[in-house]
Amino acid sequence: MDFLTDEKLVECSAESTGVYIRLMCLMHKSEQYGAILLKQKDKQTGKQIYDFACKLMRQMPYDIETIERSLTELLNEGVLSMDGDVLFQRRMVRDGKLSDTRASAGKRGGQGRGQKNGARAFASRFASDFAQAKTEANAENEIEIENEYEIEDKSEDEDNRDIPKEANTSLPAREKMSRLRKYGQYGWVKLTDDQYERLQRELGDAELQRCIDYIDESAQITKNKNKWRDWNLVIRKCSRDRWGLSVKGGAAPGRDQPHSAEFKPSTGFRKAESS
């Protein structure tokens, strides 16, 4: 996974990106691949994010406030996940389990000779690929990022299989975090309760409903031609780039909004008037 093409990480600050890169390296070396467990001795204040920051400060060149601030932003943007005493990167957990499964199958078939543990082998491959990330943001990386967002559309059972054993001990919190609800007249827009509440606080009721209605009708009329999957991110872009509103105020169409035509939910697309 290339951090240069991660659309969720792009929404975060440079400070948070630096902490995230360091954290990924630690997660690749952790005992539970892709996850960091807050042990009993690390619980100093009862505030999980702060306690994680204290734990990570010993292995990062940042102060506690910087790490705590970065972890909060990364969790809010969905780059990282936390359940109970476990901080994890969802895709890394899934890839680690997949590598272990393949390694076991190779040993049974006589093909695993000379191979290390699946998760450790994947960590070695990642270290090599990560060094070339700045110059090789290739199509394979883009496909991996796209697949990451498809995780949000999995069933609850599939989600639970991707989460460490410790994380499964708090099911009520997991249900609130992972269960998707449909919004809009046609039900294209799907958000978790946490995502909806956060958008409601940031955008306000009126703006959030406007963006949901606009995106929902856009997807219905075009049969989701834009291939939207991360609806949380699409709603933020809709509000930020003022999709569906007059361009006289100077707002340019977003990347996913058509440039050659203006979309109106009630009438569909029409050609933009020439100036």
Protein backbone atom coordinates (compact mmCIF):
# COMPACT_ATOMS: atom_id res chain seq x y z
CA MET A 1 0.00 0.00 0.00
CA ASP A 2 1.51 3.32 -1.09
CA PHE A 3 0.99 6.15 1.38
CA LEU A 4 1.39 8.63 -1.49
CA THR A 5 -1.90 7.50 -3.07
CA ASP A 6 -3.93 6.85 0.09
CA GLU A 7 -6.87 9.25 -0.25
CA LYS A 8 -7.70 9.04 3.45
CA LEU A 9 -4.15 9.92 4.46
CA VAL A 10 -4.14 12.86 2.02
CA GLU A 11 -6.79 14.49 4.23
CA CYS A 12 -4.36 14.42 7.18
CA SER A 13 -1.65 16.93 8.05
CA ALA A 14 2.04 16.47 7.26
CA GLU A 15 2.64 16.02 10.98
CA SER A 16 0.19 13.11 11.17
CA THR A 17 1.65 11.58 7.99
CA GLY A 18 5.11 11.49 9.58
CA VAL A 19 3.79 9.79 12.71
CA TYR A 20 1.83 7.31 10.54
CA ILE A 21 4.91 6.26 8.54
CA ARG A 22 6.85 5.63 11.76
CA LEU A 23 3.90 3.74 13.20
CA MET A 24 3.64 1.46 10.14
CA CYS A 25 7.28 0.44 10.60
CA LEU A 26 6.58 -0.44 14.24
CA MET A 27 3.46 -2.41 13.29
CA HIS A 28 5.49 -4.48 10.82
CA LYS A 29 7.80 -5.53 13.65
CA SER A 30 5.12 -6.00 16.31
CA GLU A 31 4.32 -9.41 17.75
CA GLN A 32 0.76 -9.17 16.46
CA TYR A 33 1.27 -8.11 12.85
CA GLY A 34 -0.39 -4.81 11.94
CA ALA A 35 -1.50 -4.05 15.50
CA ILE A 36 -0.12 -2.58 18.72
CA LEU A 37 -1.51 -3.72 22.06
CA LEU A 38 -1.72 -1.37 25.04
CA LYS A 39 -0.48 -3.58 27.86
CA GLN A 40 -1.50 -3.20 31.48
CA LYS A 41 1.79 -1.52 32.40
CA ASP A 42 1.19 1.10 29.66
CA LYS A 43 -2.17 2.19 31.10
CA GLN A 44 -1.19 5.29 33.04
CA THR A 45 -4.10 7.73 32.76
CA GLY A 46 -7.09 5.75 31.50
CA LYS A 47 -7.14 7.86 28.32
CA GLN A 48 -6.36 5.38 25.56
CA ILE A 49 -5.00 7.75 22.91
CA TYR A 50 -2.79 9.54 25.43
CA ASP A 51 -1.54 6.23 26.83
CA PHE A 52 -0.73 5.03 23.30
CA ALA A 53 1.16 8.30 22.71
CA CYS A 54 3.22 7.71 25.88
CA LYS A 55 4.01 4.17 24.74
CA LEU A 56 5.00 5.24 21.20
CA MET A 57 7.04 8.25 22.34
CA ARG A 58 9.83 5.90 23.42
CA GLN A 59 10.20 4.71 19.82
CA MET A 60 9.51 7.92 17.89
CA PRO A 61 11.34 11.26 17.60
CA TYR A 62 8.19 13.20 18.56
CA ASP A 63 6.81 14.58 21.82
CA ILE A 64 3.66 13.22 23.46
CA GLU A 65 1.45 16.10 22.33
CA THR A 66 2.44 15.66 18.66
CA ILE A 67 1.82 11.90 18.73
CA GLU A 68 -1.51 12.26 20.58
CA ARG A 69 -2.69 14.94 18.14
CA SER A 70 -1.64 12.84 15.14
CA LEU A 71 -3.27 9.63 16.42
CA THR A 72 -6.53 11.50 16.99
CA GLU A 73 -6.53 12.82 13.42
CA LEU A 74 -5.58 9.44 11.89
CA LEU A 75 -8.39 7.72 13.81
CA ASN A 76 -10.94 10.39 12.85
CA GLU A 77 -10.04 10.07 9.14
CA GLY A 78 -10.27 6.27 9.22
CA VAL A 79 -6.58 5.71 8.45
CA LEU A 80 -6.15 3.79 11.71
CA SER A 81 -8.65 1.89 13.83
CA MET A 82 -8.81 1.27 17.56
CA ASP A 83 -10.89 -1.19 19.51
CA GLY A 84 -10.44 -1.70 23.21
CA ASP A 85 -6.71 -1.77 23.93
CA VAL A 86 -5.68 -2.49 20.33
CA LEU A 87 -4.52 0.11 17.79
CA PHE A 88 -4.38 -1.41 14.30
CA GLN A 89 -4.22 -0.79 10.55
CA ARG A 90 -7.05 -2.79 9.02
CA ARG A 91 -5.36 -3.71 5.74
CA MET A 92 -2.12 -4.77 7.43
CA VAL A 93 -4.05 -7.13 9.71
CA ARG A 94 -5.83 -8.63 6.71
CA ASP A 95 -2.63 -9.01 4.67
CA GLY A 96 -0.81 -10.55 7.62
CA LYS A 97 -3.46 -13.23 8.03
CA LEU A 98 -3.47 -13.87 4.28
CA SER A 99 0.33 -14.28 4.29
CA ASP A 100 0.13 -16.72 7.21
CA THR A 101 -2.53 -18.75 5.39
CA ARG A 102 -0.48 -18.92 2.20
CA ALA A 103 2.67 -19.86 4.12
CA SER A 104 0.84 -22.70 5.87
CA ALA A 105 -0.57 -23.95 2.57
CA GLY A 106 2.89 -23.83 0.99
CA LYS A 107 4.42 -25.92 3.78
CA ARG A 108 1.69 -28.54 3.46
CA GLY A 109 2.31 -28.76 -0.28
CA GLY A 110 6.07 -28.92 0.03
CA GLN A 111 6.43 -25.44 -1.41
CA GLY A 112 7.20 -23.57 1.77
CA ARG A 113 10.80 -24.73 2.07
CA GLY A 114 13.15 -21.95 3.03
CA GLN A 115 10.35 -19.47 3.71
CA LYS A 116 9.99 -17.57 6.96
CA ASN A 117 6.80 -16.95 8.84
CA GLY A 118 4.21 -15.39 6.47
CA ALA A 119 3.86 -12.12 8.32
CA ARG A 120 7.64 -11.67 8.65
CA ALA A 121 8.13 -12.40 4.95
CA PHE A 122 5.51 -9.80 4.08
CA ALA A 123 7.26 -7.29 6.35
CA SER A 124 10.52 -7.85 4.47
CA ARG A 125 8.82 -7.34 1.10
CA PHE A 126 7.15 -4.19 2.39
CA ALA A 127 10.47 -2.72 3.58
CA SER A 128 11.86 -3.12 0.05
CA ASP A 129 8.76 -1.70 -1.66
CA PHE A 130 8.43 1.16 0.82
CA ALA A 131 11.87 2.54 -0.12
CA GLN A 132 10.69 2.93 -3.72
CA ALA A 133 7.31 4.45 -2.90
CA LYS A 134 8.35 8.02 -3.75
CA THR A 135 9.16 7.08 -7.35
CA GLU A 136 6.91 4.11 -8.08
CA ALA A 137 3.25 4.91 -7.36
CA ASN A 138 2.19 2.29 -9.89
CA ALA A 139 -1.11 0.77 -10.90
CA GLU A 140 -0.79 -2.11 -8.46
CA ASN A 141 -0.64 0.30 -5.53
CA GLU A 142 -3.72 2.14 -6.81
CA ILE A 143 -5.62 -1.15 -6.98
CA GLU A 144 -4.60 -1.93 -3.40
CA ILE A 145 -5.89 1.44 -2.20
CA GLU A 146 -9.18 0.90 -4.05
CA ASN A 147 -9.53 -2.53 -2.48
CA GLU A 148 -9.00 -1.01 0.97
CA TYR A 149 -12.10 1.12 0.61
CA GLU A 150 -14.14 -1.93 -0.44
CA ILE A 151 -13.61 -3.27 3.08
CA GLU A 152 -16.23 -0.78 4.28
CA ASP A 153 -18.85 -2.65 2.20
CA LYS A 154 -18.10 -6.06 3.72
CA SER A 155 -20.54 -7.81 6.04
CA GLU A 156 -20.09 -7.58 9.80
CA ASP A 157 -18.82 -11.17 9.94
CA GLU A 158 -16.11 -10.46 7.38
CA ASP A 159 -15.03 -7.36 9.31
CA ASN A 160 -14.72 -9.36 12.52
CA ARG A 161 -12.42 -11.88 10.83
CA ASP A 162 -10.00 -9.06 9.96
CA ILE A 163 -9.75 -7.75 13.52
CA PRO A 164 -7.30 -9.05 16.15
CA LYS A 165 -8.68 -11.37 18.84
CA GLU A 166 -8.31 -8.68 21.50
CA ALA A 167 -10.34 -6.26 19.36
CA ASN A 168 -13.30 -8.65 19.17
CA THR A 169 -13.89 -8.41 22.91
CA SER A 170 -15.81 -5.13 22.56
CA LEU A 171 -18.61 -5.96 20.12
CA PRO A 172 -20.97 -3.03 20.92
CA ALA A 173 -18.22 -0.56 20.06
CA ARG A 174 -17.35 -2.54 16.89
CA GLU A 175 -21.00 -2.55 15.77
CA LYS A 176 -21.26 1.23 16.07
CA MET A 177 -17.97 1.69 14.22
CA SER A 178 -18.49 -0.79 11.34
CA ARG A 179 -22.23 -1.08 10.65
CA LEU A 180 -23.16 0.90 7.54
CA ARG A 181 -26.51 2.65 7.19
CA LYS A 182 -28.08 3.86 3.96
CA TYR A 183 -28.90 7.54 3.45
CA GLY A 184 -30.68 9.44 0.70
CA GLN A 185 -33.83 8.68 -1.28
CA TYR A 186 -32.17 5.91 -3.27
CA GLY A 187 -29.86 4.58 -0.57
CA TRP A 188 -26.57 4.96 -2.43
CA VAL A 189 -24.84 6.84 0.39
CA LYS A 190 -23.62 4.51 3.14
CA LEU A 191 -22.12 5.74 6.42
CA THR A 192 -21.43 4.33 9.85
CA ASP A 193 -23.02 6.05 12.84
CA ASP A 194 -19.64 7.50 13.83
CA GLN A 195 -19.04 8.88 10.33
CA TYR A 196 -22.50 10.45 10.18
CA GLU A 197 -22.18 12.06 13.62
CA ARG A 198 -18.74 13.46 12.79
CA LEU A 199 -19.95 14.90 9.47
CA GLN A 200 -22.98 16.33 11.25
CA ARG A 201 -20.74 18.16 13.70
CA GLU A 202 -18.34 19.42 11.04
CA LEU A 203 -20.77 20.38 8.25
CA GLY A 204 -24.04 21.03 10.09
CA ASP A 205 -27.41 19.36 9.46
CA ALA A 206 -28.41 21.44 6.43
CA GLU A 207 -25.12 21.12 4.53
CA LEU A 208 -24.79 17.41 5.31
CA GLN A 209 -28.32 16.70 4.05
CA ARG A 210 -27.68 18.78 0.91
CA CYS A 211 -24.55 16.82 0.08
CA ILE A 212 -26.23 13.46 0.79
CA ASP A 213 -29.19 14.33 -1.48
CA TYR A 214 -26.92 15.62 -4.26
CA ILE A 215 -24.56 12.63 -4.19
CA ASP A 216 -27.41 10.12 -3.84
CA GLU A 217 -29.26 11.49 -6.89
CA SER A 218 -26.00 11.79 -8.85
CA ALA A 219 -25.21 8.13 -8.24
CA GLN A 220 -28.78 7.08 -9.08
CA ILE A 221 -28.94 8.96 -12.39
CA THR A 222 -25.45 7.92 -13.54
CA LYS A 223 -25.59 4.43 -11.99
CA ASN A 224 -22.58 5.53 -9.96
CA LYS A 225 -20.46 6.12 -13.04
CA ASN A 226 -17.82 7.79 -10.84
CA LYS A 227 -17.34 4.48 -8.97
CA TRP A 228 -17.75 6.17 -5.57
CA ARG A 229 -17.10 3.84 -2.65
CA ASP A 230 -15.82 5.95 0.23
CA TRP A 231 -18.99 7.98 0.76
CA ASN A 232 -17.57 9.76 3.82
CA LEU A 233 -14.76 11.18 1.67
CA VAL A 234 -17.11 12.01 -1.24
CA ILE A 235 -19.40 14.02 1.08
CA ARG A 236 -16.42 16.03 2.35
CA LYS A 237 -15.37 16.79 -1.23
CA CYS A 238 -18.93 17.75 -2.15
CA SER A 239 -19.04 20.29 0.68
CA ARG A 240 -15.50 21.55 0.19
CA ASP A 241 -15.80 22.00 -3.60
CA ARG A 242 -19.45 23.14 -3.38
CA TRP A 243 -20.79 20.52 -5.77
CA GLY A 244 -24.25 21.30 -7.07
CA LEU A 245 -24.00 25.01 -6.24
CA SER A 246 -23.46 27.91 -8.63
CA VAL A 247 -19.87 28.30 -9.84
CA LYS A 248 -20.21 32.11 -9.89
CA GLY A 249 -18.63 32.24 -6.46
CA GLY A 250 -15.44 30.85 -7.97
CA ALA A 251 -15.66 27.26 -6.74
CA ALA A 252 -14.26 24.86 -9.32
CA PRO A 253 -15.74 21.38 -9.88
CA GLY A 254 -14.19 18.64 -7.81
CA ARG A 255 -12.13 15.85 -9.30
CA ASP A 256 -15.10 13.46 -9.35
CA GLN A 257 -17.57 16.11 -10.53
CA PRO A 258 -17.99 16.27 -14.35
CA HIS A 259 -16.32 19.30 -15.98
CA SER A 260 -18.10 19.19 -19.33
CA ALA A 261 -21.60 19.33 -17.92
CA GLU A 262 -23.39 20.73 -14.90
CA PHE A 263 -25.40 18.23 -12.85
CA LYS A 264 -28.75 19.19 -11.34
CA PRO A 265 -30.43 16.43 -9.30
CA SER A 266 -33.90 17.31 -10.57
CA THR A 267 -33.06 17.41 -14.29
CA GLY A 268 -29.82 15.44 -14.73
CA PHE A 269 -26.85 16.72 -16.71
CA ARG A 270 -26.96 19.64 -19.11
CA LYS A 271 -24.20 21.25 -21.12
CA ALA A 272 -22.49 24.14 -19.40
CA GLU A 273 -23.27 27.52 -20.96
CA SER A 274 -20.40 29.11 -22.80
CA SER A 275 -19.27 32.47 -21.46
